[in-house]
Amino acid sequence: GPGAVLHHVTMSYDIDADKMLEVLRIGKEKMSDKGTKSAKKRVDPLRRQTGLPRETVIDKMLDSFRVRYGLTEGRVTDEEMARAEHLAETKYSDPEWTARVP
């Protein structure tokens, strides 16, 4: 809605990069698009970068968003929850969705 910011990113606090490579299929095209030769080198967990506990990293990120963007607390409305539950039942529980291979 108006005044809202959606920030989407995948961040890892800690990860077993070797296990990640075992379970993910990362095509050469995707790697070359990113200009990266190794998927393992693309993963640099926040724990290694900061040495901070997970809770501290989360608090610092929230503080940063609060200062930069005027972050305020909110909640999921009943209508939003009903829509999410409907999607979970009708779309995301369907094997056509969960078992698809992009």
PDB file of N, CA and C in Angstrom:
ATOM      1  N   GLY A   1       0.823  -1.187   0.000  1.00  0.00           N
ATOM      2  CA  GLY A   1       0.000   0.000   0.000  1.00  0.00           C
ATOM      3  C   GLY A   1       0.862   1.243   0.000  1.00  0.00           C
ATOM      4  N   PRO A   2       0.245   2.384   0.034  1.00  0.00           N
ATOM      5  CA  PRO A   2       0.975   3.648   0.052  1.00  0.00           C
ATOM      6  C   PRO A   2       1.906   3.733   1.262  1.00  0.00           C
ATOM      7  N   GLY A   3       3.120   4.176   1.026  1.00  0.00           N
ATOM      8  CA  GLY A   3       4.081   4.325   2.108  1.00  0.00           C
ATOM      9  C   GLY A   3       4.733   3.033   2.537  1.00  0.00           C
ATOM     10  N   ALA A   4       4.455   1.945   1.839  1.00  0.00           N
ATOM     11  CA  ALA A   4       5.028   0.652   2.215  1.00  0.00           C
ATOM     12  C   ALA A   4       6.268   0.377   1.380  1.00  0.00           C
ATOM     13  N   VAL A   5       7.189  -0.352   1.977  1.00  0.00           N
ATOM     14  CA  VAL A   5       8.387  -0.781   1.266  1.00  0.00           C
ATOM     15  C   VAL A   5       8.467  -2.295   1.395  1.00  0.00           C
ATOM     16  N   LEU A   6       8.605  -2.972   0.270  1.00  0.00           N
ATOM     17  CA  LEU A   6       8.828  -4.412   0.295  1.00  0.00           C
ATOM     18  C   LEU A   6      10.282  -4.630  -0.078  1.00  0.00           C
ATOM     19  N   HIS A   7      11.026  -5.184   0.859  1.00  0.00           N
ATOM     20  CA  HIS A   7      12.445  -5.452   0.625  1.00  0.00           C
ATOM     21  C   HIS A   7      12.620  -6.952   0.659  1.00  0.00           C
ATOM     22  N   HIS A   8      13.011  -7.538  -0.460  1.00  0.00           N
ATOM     23  CA  HIS A   8      13.158  -8.989  -0.524  1.00  0.00           C
ATOM     24  C   HIS A   8      14.597  -9.338  -0.849  1.00  0.00           C
ATOM     25  N   VAL A   9      15.153 -10.199  -0.026  1.00  0.00           N
ATOM     26  CA  VAL A   9      16.510 -10.668  -0.252  1.00  0.00           C
ATOM     27  C   VAL A   9      16.672 -11.975   0.508  1.00  0.00           C
ATOM     28  N   THR A  10      17.516 -12.822   0.007  1.00  0.00           N
ATOM     29  CA  THR A  10      17.847 -14.035   0.747  1.00  0.00           C
ATOM     30  C   THR A  10      19.187 -13.809   1.413  1.00  0.00           C
ATOM     31  N   MET A  11      19.189 -13.884   2.728  1.00  0.00           N
ATOM     32  CA  MET A  11      20.412 -13.689   3.483  1.00  0.00           C
ATOM     33  C   MET A  11      20.606 -14.880   4.405  1.00  0.00           C
ATOM     34  N   SER A  12      21.822 -15.285   4.542  1.00  0.00           N
ATOM     35  CA  SER A  12      22.122 -16.415   5.409  1.00  0.00           C
ATOM     36  C   SER A  12      22.923 -15.942   6.604  1.00  0.00           C
ATOM     37  N   TYR A  13      22.450 -16.326   7.788  1.00  0.00           N
ATOM     38  CA  TYR A  13      23.242 -16.053   8.975  1.00  0.00           C
ATOM     39  C   TYR A  13      24.364 -17.084   9.080  1.00  0.00           C
ATOM     40  N   ASP A  14      24.017 -18.342   8.840  1.00  0.00           N
ATOM     41  CA  ASP A  14      24.999 -19.417   8.879  1.00  0.00           C
ATOM     42  C   ASP A  14      24.524 -20.485   7.910  1.00  0.00           C
ATOM     43  N   ILE A  15      25.438 -21.132   7.209  1.00  0.00           N
ATOM     44  CA  ILE A  15      25.036 -22.106   6.204  1.00  0.00           C
ATOM     45  C   ILE A  15      26.142 -23.122   5.981  1.00  0.00           C
ATOM     46  N   ASP A  16      25.723 -24.320   5.668  1.00  0.00           N
ATOM     47  CA  ASP A  16      26.652 -25.358   5.241  1.00  0.00           C
ATOM     48  C   ASP A  16      26.696 -25.278   3.717  1.00  0.00           C
ATOM     49  N   ALA A  17      27.650 -24.548   3.174  1.00  0.00           N
ATOM     50  CA  ALA A  17      27.715 -24.294   1.737  1.00  0.00           C
ATOM     51  C   ALA A  17      27.890 -25.578   0.937  1.00  0.00           C
ATOM     52  N   ASP A  18      28.620 -26.527   1.481  1.00  0.00           N
ATOM     53  CA  ASP A  18      28.786 -27.801   0.772  1.00  0.00           C
ATOM     54  C   ASP A  18      27.449 -28.527   0.644  1.00  0.00           C
ATOM     55  N   LYS A  19      26.670 -28.540   1.720  1.00  0.00           N
ATOM     56  CA  LYS A  19      25.345 -29.177   1.686  1.00  0.00           C
ATOM     57  C   LYS A  19      24.430 -28.422   0.737  1.00  0.00           C
ATOM     58  N   MET A  20      24.515 -27.093   0.731  1.00  0.00           N
ATOM     59  CA  MET A  20      23.703 -26.296  -0.175  1.00  0.00           C
ATOM     60  C   MET A  20      23.949 -26.713  -1.626  1.00  0.00           C
ATOM     61  N   LEU A  21      25.216 -26.909  -1.962  1.00  0.00           N
ATOM     62  CA  LEU A  21      25.548 -27.285  -3.339  1.00  0.00           C
ATOM     63  C   LEU A  21      25.065 -28.690  -3.676  1.00  0.00           C
ATOM     64  N   GLU A  22      24.926 -29.545  -2.654  1.00  0.00           N
ATOM     65  CA  GLU A  22      24.413 -30.895  -2.889  1.00  0.00           C
ATOM     66  C   GLU A  22      22.931 -30.881  -3.248  1.00  0.00           C
ATOM     67  N   VAL A  23      22.168 -29.973  -2.633  1.00  0.00           N
ATOM     68  CA  VAL A  23      20.718 -29.995  -2.813  1.00  0.00           C
ATOM     69  C   VAL A  23      20.200 -29.020  -3.863  1.00  0.00           C
ATOM     70  N   LEU A  24      20.965 -28.012  -4.195  1.00  0.00           N
ATOM     71  CA  LEU A  24      20.519 -27.045  -5.204  1.00  0.00           C
ATOM     72  C   LEU A  24      21.103 -27.371  -6.565  1.00  0.00           C
ATOM     73  N   ARG A  25      20.299 -27.164  -7.564  1.00  0.00           N
ATOM     74  CA  ARG A  25      20.805 -27.289  -8.922  1.00  0.00           C
ATOM     75  C   ARG A  25      21.041 -25.874  -9.437  1.00  0.00           C
ATOM     76  N   ILE A  26      22.275 -25.498  -9.561  1.00  0.00           N
ATOM     77  CA  ILE A  26      22.610 -24.146 -10.006  1.00  0.00           C
ATOM     78  C   ILE A  26      23.250 -24.265 -11.374  1.00  0.00           C
ATOM     79  N   GLY A  27      22.503 -23.831 -12.375  1.00  0.00           N
ATOM     80  CA  GLY A  27      22.976 -23.962 -13.745  1.00  0.00           C
ATOM     81  C   GLY A  27      24.119 -23.019 -14.073  1.00  0.00           C
ATOM     82  N   LYS A  28      24.899 -23.408 -15.065  1.00  0.00           N
ATOM     83  CA  LYS A  28      26.018 -22.568 -15.492  1.00  0.00           C
ATOM     84  C   LYS A  28      25.544 -21.214 -15.984  1.00  0.00           C
ATOM     85  N   GLU A  29      24.343 -21.187 -16.592  1.00  0.00           N
ATOM     86  CA  GLU A  29      23.816 -19.915 -17.088  1.00  0.00           C
ATOM     87  C   GLU A  29      23.609 -18.929 -15.948  1.00  0.00           C
ATOM     88  N   LYS A  30      23.027 -19.412 -14.856  1.00  0.00           N
ATOM     89  CA  LYS A  30      22.784 -18.538 -13.716  1.00  0.00           C
ATOM     90  C   LYS A  30      24.094 -18.003 -13.157  1.00  0.00           C
ATOM     91  N   MET A  31      25.086 -18.853 -13.049  1.00  0.00           N
ATOM     92  CA  MET A  31      26.378 -18.427 -12.518  1.00  0.00           C
ATOM     93  C   MET A  31      27.023 -17.403 -13.443  1.00  0.00           C
ATOM     94  N   SER A  32      26.977 -17.656 -14.753  1.00  0.00           N
ATOM     95  CA  SER A  32      27.618 -16.723 -15.676  1.00  0.00           C
ATOM     96  C   SER A  32      26.881 -15.390 -15.701  1.00  0.00           C
ATOM     97  N   ASP A  33      25.544 -15.415 -15.519  1.00  0.00           N
ATOM     98  CA  ASP A  33      24.773 -14.173 -15.452  1.00  0.00           C
ATOM     99  C   ASP A  33      25.248 -13.297 -14.302  1.00  0.00           C
ATOM    100  N   LYS A  34      25.660 -13.932 -13.213  1.00  0.00           N
ATOM    101  CA  LYS A  34      26.103 -13.196 -12.029  1.00  0.00           C
ATOM    102  C   LYS A  34      27.593 -12.876 -12.077  1.00  0.00           C
ATOM    103  N   GLY A  35      28.280 -13.366 -13.097  1.00  0.00           N
ATOM    104  CA  GLY A  35      29.714 -13.119 -13.188  1.00  0.00           C
ATOM    105  C   GLY A  35      30.490 -13.839 -12.097  1.00  0.00           C
ATOM    106  N   THR A  36      29.949 -14.974 -11.640  1.00  0.00           N
ATOM    107  CA  THR A  36      30.572 -15.723 -10.563  1.00  0.00           C
ATOM    108  C   THR A  36      30.956 -17.104 -11.056  1.00  0.00           C
ATOM    109  N   LYS A  37      32.130 -17.560 -10.678  1.00  0.00           N
ATOM    110  CA  LYS A  37      32.585 -18.874 -11.110  1.00  0.00           C
ATOM    111  C   LYS A  37      32.186 -19.963 -10.123  1.00  0.00           C
ATOM    112  N   SER A  38      32.002 -19.625  -8.860  1.00  0.00           N
ATOM    113  CA  SER A  38      31.702 -20.626  -7.845  1.00  0.00           C
ATOM    114  C   SER A  38      30.478 -20.216  -7.041  1.00  0.00           C
ATOM    115  N   ALA A  39      29.471 -21.104  -7.003  1.00  0.00           N
ATOM    116  CA  ALA A  39      28.285 -20.839  -6.189  1.00  0.00           C
ATOM    117  C   ALA A  39      28.661 -20.756  -4.718  1.00  0.00           C
ATOM    118  N   LYS A  40      29.613 -21.572  -4.315  1.00  0.00           N
ATOM    119  CA  LYS A  40      30.024 -21.572  -2.911  1.00  0.00           C
ATOM    120  C   LYS A  40      30.596 -20.208  -2.511  1.00  0.00           C
ATOM    121  N   LYS A  41      31.324 -19.576  -3.419  1.00  0.00           N
ATOM    122  CA  LYS A  41      31.904 -18.266  -3.099  1.00  0.00           C
ATOM    123  C   LYS A  41      30.847 -17.168  -3.040  1.00  0.00           C
ATOM    124  N   ARG A  42      29.684 -17.391  -3.680  1.00  0.00           N
ATOM    125  CA  ARG A  42      28.607 -16.403  -3.636  1.00  0.00           C
ATOM    126  C   ARG A  42      27.946 -16.356  -2.274  1.00  0.00           C
ATOM    127  N   VAL A  43      28.052 -17.441  -1.523  1.00  0.00           N
ATOM    128  CA  VAL A  43      27.403 -17.534  -0.217  1.00  0.00           C
ATOM    129  C   VAL A  43      28.404 -17.107   0.843  1.00  0.00           C
ATOM    130  N   ASP A  44      28.123 -15.985   1.480  1.00  0.00           N
ATOM    131  CA  ASP A  44      29.015 -15.490   2.521  1.00  0.00           C
ATOM    132  C   ASP A  44      28.151 -15.161   3.733  1.00  0.00           C
ATOM    133  N   PRO A  45      27.972 -16.102   4.639  1.00  0.00           N
ATOM    134  CA  PRO A  45      27.033 -15.924   5.743  1.00  0.00           C
ATOM    135  C   PRO A  45      27.362 -14.738   6.647  1.00  0.00           C
ATOM    136  N   LEU A  46      26.311 -14.120   7.170  1.00  0.00           N
ATOM    137  CA  LEU A  46      26.471 -12.969   8.058  1.00  0.00           C
ATOM    138  C   LEU A  46      27.247 -13.319   9.319  1.00  0.00           C
ATOM    139  N   ARG A  47      27.115 -14.540   9.787  1.00  0.00           N
ATOM    140  CA  ARG A  47      27.860 -14.931  10.987  1.00  0.00           C
ATOM    141  C   ARG A  47      29.360 -14.779  10.753  1.00  0.00           C
ATOM    142  N   ARG A  48      29.827 -15.230   9.585  1.00  0.00           N
ATOM    143  CA  ARG A  48      31.252 -15.126   9.279  1.00  0.00           C
ATOM    144  C   ARG A  48      31.656 -13.673   9.061  1.00  0.00           C
ATOM    145  N   GLN A  49      30.780 -12.907   8.416  1.00  0.00           N
ATOM    146  CA  GLN A  49      31.101 -11.508   8.135  1.00  0.00           C
ATOM    147  C   GLN A  49      31.165 -10.646   9.384  1.00  0.00           C
ATOM    148  N   THR A  50      30.254 -10.903  10.330  1.00  0.00           N
ATOM    149  CA  THR A  50      30.131 -10.007  11.479  1.00  0.00           C
ATOM    150  C   THR A  50      30.686 -10.563  12.776  1.00  0.00           C
ATOM    151  N   GLY A  51      30.637 -11.878  12.944  1.00  0.00           N
ATOM    152  CA  GLY A  51      31.018 -12.475  14.219  1.00  0.00           C
ATOM    153  C   GLY A  51      30.005 -12.213  15.320  1.00  0.00           C
ATOM    154  N   LEU A  52      28.838 -11.677  14.954  1.00  0.00           N
ATOM    155  CA  LEU A  52      27.815 -11.324  15.941  1.00  0.00           C
ATOM    156  C   LEU A  52      26.775 -12.434  16.078  1.00  0.00           C
ATOM    157  N   PRO A  53      26.134 -12.513  17.249  1.00  0.00           N
ATOM    158  CA  PRO A  53      25.027 -13.455  17.407  1.00  0.00           C
ATOM    159  C   PRO A  53      23.876 -13.098  16.460  1.00  0.00           C
ATOM    160  N   ARG A  54      23.110 -14.098  16.064  1.00  0.00           N
ATOM    161  CA  ARG A  54      22.004 -13.907  15.122  1.00  0.00           C
ATOM    162  C   ARG A  54      21.039 -12.815  15.599  1.00  0.00           C
ATOM    163  N   GLU A  55      20.673 -12.834  16.872  1.00  0.00           N
ATOM    164  CA  GLU A  55      19.723 -11.859  17.410  1.00  0.00           C
ATOM    165  C   GLU A  55      20.263 -10.432  17.275  1.00  0.00           C
ATOM    166  N   THR A  56      21.566 -10.251  17.459  1.00  0.00           N
ATOM    167  CA  THR A  56      22.179  -8.927  17.327  1.00  0.00           C
ATOM    168  C   THR A  56      22.120  -8.453  15.876  1.00  0.00           C
ATOM    169  N   VAL A  57      22.385  -9.364  14.940  1.00  0.00           N
ATOM    170  CA  VAL A  57      22.312  -9.013  13.515  1.00  0.00           C
ATOM    171  C   VAL A  57      20.890  -8.555  13.176  1.00  0.00           C
ATOM    172  N   ILE A  58      19.891  -9.298  13.648  1.00  0.00           N
ATOM    173  CA  ILE A  58      18.492  -8.934  13.386  1.00  0.00           C
ATOM    174  C   ILE A  58      18.177  -7.566  13.975  1.00  0.00           C
ATOM    175  N   ASP A  59      18.571  -7.329  15.224  1.00  0.00           N
ATOM    176  CA  ASP A  59      18.319  -6.037  15.875  1.00  0.00           C
ATOM    177  C   ASP A  59      18.971  -4.897  15.112  1.00  0.00           C
ATOM    178  N   LYS A  60      20.205  -5.098  14.657  1.00  0.00           N
ATOM    179  CA  LYS A  60      20.916  -4.050  13.925  1.00  0.00           C
ATOM    180  C   LYS A  60      20.247  -3.760  12.578  1.00  0.00           C
ATOM    181  N   MET A  61      19.755  -4.812  11.927  1.00  0.00           N
ATOM    182  CA  MET A  61      19.054  -4.602  10.658  1.00  0.00           C
ATOM    183  C   MET A  61      17.759  -3.825  10.882  1.00  0.00           C
ATOM    184  N   LEU A  62      17.009  -4.186  11.926  1.00  0.00           N
ATOM    185  CA  LEU A  62      15.778  -3.459  12.232  1.00  0.00           C
ATOM    186  C   LEU A  62      16.074  -2.002  12.571  1.00  0.00           C
ATOM    187  N   ASP A  63      17.111  -1.765  13.363  1.00  0.00           N
ATOM    188  CA  ASP A  63      17.502  -0.391  13.699  1.00  0.00           C
ATOM    189  C   ASP A  63      17.836   0.399  12.447  1.00  0.00           C
ATOM    190  N   SER A  64      18.562  -0.238  11.520  1.00  0.00           N
ATOM    191  CA  SER A  64      18.948   0.434  10.281  1.00  0.00           C
ATOM    192  C   SER A  64      17.719   0.809   9.458  1.00  0.00           C
ATOM    193  N   PHE A  65      16.775  -0.110   9.312  1.00  0.00           N
ATOM    194  CA  PHE A  65      15.551   0.193   8.570  1.00  0.00           C
ATOM    195  C   PHE A  65      14.734   1.266   9.277  1.00  0.00           C
ATOM    196  N   ARG A  66      14.725   1.226  10.610  1.00  0.00           N
ATOM    197  CA  ARG A  66      13.983   2.222  11.388  1.00  0.00           C
ATOM    198  C   ARG A  66      14.539   3.622  11.114  1.00  0.00           C
ATOM    199  N   VAL A  67      15.867   3.752  11.128  1.00  0.00           N
ATOM    200  CA  VAL A  67      16.515   5.048  10.913  1.00  0.00           C
ATOM    201  C   VAL A  67      16.366   5.506   9.460  1.00  0.00           C
ATOM    202  N   ARG A  68      16.626   4.607   8.520  1.00  0.00           N
ATOM    203  CA  ARG A  68      16.611   4.991   7.105  1.00  0.00           C
ATOM    204  C   ARG A  68      15.224   5.214   6.530  1.00  0.00           C
ATOM    205  N   TYR A  69      14.260   4.370   6.939  1.00  0.00           N
ATOM    206  CA  TYR A  69      12.966   4.378   6.266  1.00  0.00           C
ATOM    207  C   TYR A  69      11.792   4.663   7.188  1.00  0.00           C
ATOM    208  N   GLY A  70      12.066   5.008   8.438  1.00  0.00           N
ATOM    209  CA  GLY A  70      10.971   5.291   9.361  1.00  0.00           C
ATOM    210  C   GLY A  70      10.133   4.058   9.646  1.00  0.00           C
ATOM    211  N   LEU A  71      10.797   2.928   9.794  1.00  0.00           N
ATOM    212  CA  LEU A  71      10.123   1.664  10.049  1.00  0.00           C
ATOM    213  C   LEU A  71       9.187   1.770  11.238  1.00  0.00           C
ATOM    214  N   THR A  72       7.973   1.288  11.065  1.00  0.00           N
ATOM    215  CA  THR A  72       7.018   1.229  12.165  1.00  0.00           C
ATOM    216  C   THR A  72       6.498  -0.196  12.275  1.00  0.00           C
ATOM    217  N   GLU A  73       6.037  -0.553  13.460  1.00  0.00           N
ATOM    218  CA  GLU A  73       5.486  -1.887  13.682  1.00  0.00           C
ATOM    219  C   GLU A  73       4.118  -1.981  13.006  1.00  0.00           C
ATOM    220  N   GLY A  74       3.801  -3.145  12.515  1.00  0.00           N
ATOM    221  CA  GLY A  74       2.507  -3.374  11.884  1.00  0.00           C
ATOM    222  C   GLY A  74       2.041  -4.773  12.199  1.00  0.00           C
ATOM    223  N   ARG A  75       0.932  -5.141  11.618  1.00  0.00           N
ATOM    224  CA  ARG A  75       0.435  -6.488  11.805  1.00  0.00           C
ATOM    225  C   ARG A  75      -0.310  -6.916  10.551  1.00  0.00           C
ATOM    226  N   VAL A  76      -0.430  -8.200  10.392  1.00  0.00           N
ATOM    227  CA  VAL A  76      -1.174  -8.766   9.276  1.00  0.00           C
ATOM    228  C   VAL A  76      -2.655  -8.617   9.589  1.00  0.00           C
ATOM    229  N   THR A  77      -3.394  -8.054   8.633  1.00  0.00           N
ATOM    230  CA  THR A  77      -4.837  -7.880   8.852  1.00  0.00           C
ATOM    231  C   THR A  77      -5.555  -9.224   8.704  1.00  0.00           C
ATOM    232  N   ASP A  78      -6.777  -9.292   9.199  1.00  0.00           N
ATOM    233  CA  ASP A  78      -7.569 -10.514   9.058  1.00  0.00           C
ATOM    234  C   ASP A  78      -7.772 -10.857   7.585  1.00  0.00           C
ATOM    235  N   GLU A  79      -7.977  -9.839   6.760  1.00  0.00           N
ATOM    236  CA  GLU A  79      -8.165 -10.060   5.328  1.00  0.00           C
ATOM    237  C   GLU A  79      -6.898 -10.609   4.673  1.00  0.00           C
ATOM    238  N   GLU A  80      -5.753 -10.075   5.053  1.00  0.00           N
ATOM    239  CA  GLU A  80      -4.479 -10.574   4.523  1.00  0.00           C
ATOM    240  C   GLU A  80      -4.246 -12.019   4.940  1.00  0.00           C
ATOM    241  N   MET A  81      -4.557 -12.350   6.191  1.00  0.00           N
ATOM    242  CA  MET A  81      -4.379 -13.709   6.672  1.00  0.00           C
ATOM    243  C   MET A  81      -5.321 -14.663   5.944  1.00  0.00           C
ATOM    244  N   ALA A  82      -6.551 -14.249   5.719  1.00  0.00           N
ATOM    245  CA  ALA A  82      -7.510 -15.095   5.007  1.00  0.00           C
ATOM    246  C   ALA A  82      -7.021 -15.355   3.581  1.00  0.00           C
ATOM    247  N   ARG A  83      -6.513 -14.332   2.932  1.00  0.00           N
ATOM    248  CA  ARG A  83      -5.991 -14.497   1.564  1.00  0.00           C
ATOM    249  C   ARG A  83      -4.782 -15.435   1.556  1.00  0.00           C
ATOM    250  N   ALA A  84      -3.891 -15.275   2.524  1.00  0.00           N
ATOM    251  CA  ALA A  84      -2.710 -16.140   2.610  1.00  0.00           C
ATOM    252  C   ALA A  84      -3.122 -17.589   2.852  1.00  0.00           C
ATOM    253  N   GLU A  85      -4.084 -17.813   3.736  1.00  0.00           N
ATOM    254  CA  GLU A  85      -4.552 -19.168   4.006  1.00  0.00           C
ATOM    255  C   GLU A  85      -5.195 -19.777   2.764  1.00  0.00           C
ATOM    256  N   HIS A  86      -5.964 -18.964   2.044  1.00  0.00           N
ATOM    257  CA  HIS A  86      -6.581 -19.434   0.799  1.00  0.00           C
ATOM    258  C   HIS A  86      -5.511 -19.844  -0.213  1.00  0.00           C
ATOM    259  N   LEU A  87      -4.492 -19.024  -0.392  1.00  0.00           N
ATOM    260  CA  LEU A  87      -3.409 -19.356  -1.325  1.00  0.00           C
ATOM    261  C   LEU A  87      -2.654 -20.611  -0.877  1.00  0.00           C
ATOM    262  N   ALA A  88      -2.431 -20.755   0.416  1.00  0.00           N
ATOM    263  CA  ALA A  88      -1.734 -21.931   0.926  1.00  0.00           C
ATOM    264  C   ALA A  88      -2.515 -23.201   0.593  1.00  0.00           C
ATOM    265  N   GLU A  89      -3.824 -23.137   0.734  1.00  0.00           N
ATOM    266  CA  GLU A  89      -4.666 -24.305   0.472  1.00  0.00           C
ATOM    267  C   GLU A  89      -4.834 -24.584  -1.018  1.00  0.00           C
ATOM    268  N   THR A  90      -5.051 -23.539  -1.801  1.00  0.00           N
ATOM    269  CA  THR A  90      -5.419 -23.734  -3.207  1.00  0.00           C
ATOM    270  C   THR A  90      -4.248 -23.724  -4.177  1.00  0.00           C
ATOM    271  N   LYS A  91      -3.137 -23.135  -3.786  1.00  0.00           N
ATOM    272  CA  LYS A  91      -1.999 -23.026  -4.704  1.00  0.00           C
ATOM    273  C   LYS A  91      -0.760 -23.716  -4.164  1.00  0.00           C
ATOM    274  N   TYR A  92      -0.305 -23.288  -3.008  1.00  0.00           N
ATOM    275  CA  TYR A  92       0.996 -23.721  -2.515  1.00  0.00           C
ATOM    276  C   TYR A  92       1.002 -25.139  -1.950  1.00  0.00           C
ATOM    277  N   SER A  93      -0.172 -25.748  -1.721  1.00  0.00           N
ATOM    278  CA  SER A  93      -0.230 -27.144  -1.283  1.00  0.00           C
ATOM    279  C   SER A  93      -0.343 -28.101  -2.463  1.00  0.00           C
ATOM    280  N   ASP A  94      -0.513 -27.571  -3.639  1.00  0.00           N
ATOM    281  CA  ASP A  94      -0.700 -28.367  -4.844  1.00  0.00           C
ATOM    282  C   ASP A  94       0.645 -28.896  -5.352  1.00  0.00           C
ATOM    283  N   PRO A  95       0.758 -30.205  -5.569  1.00  0.00           N
ATOM    284  CA  PRO A  95       2.022 -30.763  -6.094  1.00  0.00           C
ATOM    285  C   PRO A  95       2.467 -30.118  -7.408  1.00  0.00           C
ATOM    286  N   GLU A  96       1.529 -29.598  -8.183  1.00  0.00           N
ATOM    287  CA  GLU A  96       1.905 -28.879  -9.404  1.00  0.00           C
ATOM    288  C   GLU A  96       2.802 -27.679  -9.069  1.00  0.00           C
ATOM    289  N   TRP A  97       2.583 -27.108  -7.892  1.00  0.00           N
ATOM    290  CA  TRP A  97       3.409 -25.973  -7.456  1.00  0.00           C
ATOM    291  C   TRP A  97       4.655 -26.451  -6.709  1.00  0.00           C
ATOM    292  N   THR A  98       4.463 -27.334  -5.736  1.00  0.00           N
ATOM    293  CA  THR A  98       5.582 -27.717  -4.863  1.00  0.00           C
ATOM    294  C   THR A  98       6.602 -28.620  -5.538  1.00  0.00           C
ATOM    295  N   ALA A  99       6.172 -29.376  -6.553  1.00  0.00           N
ATOM    296  CA  ALA A  99       7.108 -30.322  -7.197  1.00  0.00           C
ATOM    297  C   ALA A  99       7.588 -29.829  -8.551  1.00  0.00           C
ATOM    298  N   ARG A 100       7.237 -28.632  -8.900  1.00  0.00           N
ATOM    299  CA  ARG A 100       7.657 -28.132 -10.220  1.00  0.00           C
ATOM    300  C   ARG A 100       9.158 -27.875 -10.256  1.00  0.00           C
ATOM    301  N   VAL A 101       9.726 -28.092 -11.409  1.00  0.00           N
ATOM    302  CA  VAL A 101      11.149 -27.832 -11.600  1.00  0.00           C
ATOM    303  C   VAL A 101      11.265 -26.707 -12.616  1.00  0.00           C
ATOM    304  N   PRO A 102      11.760 -25.558 -12.176  1.00  0.00           N
ATOM    305  CA  PRO A 102      11.856 -24.411 -13.114  1.00  0.00           C
ATOM    306  C   PRO A 102      12.799 -24.683 -14.270  1.00  0.00           C
TER     307      PRO A 102
END
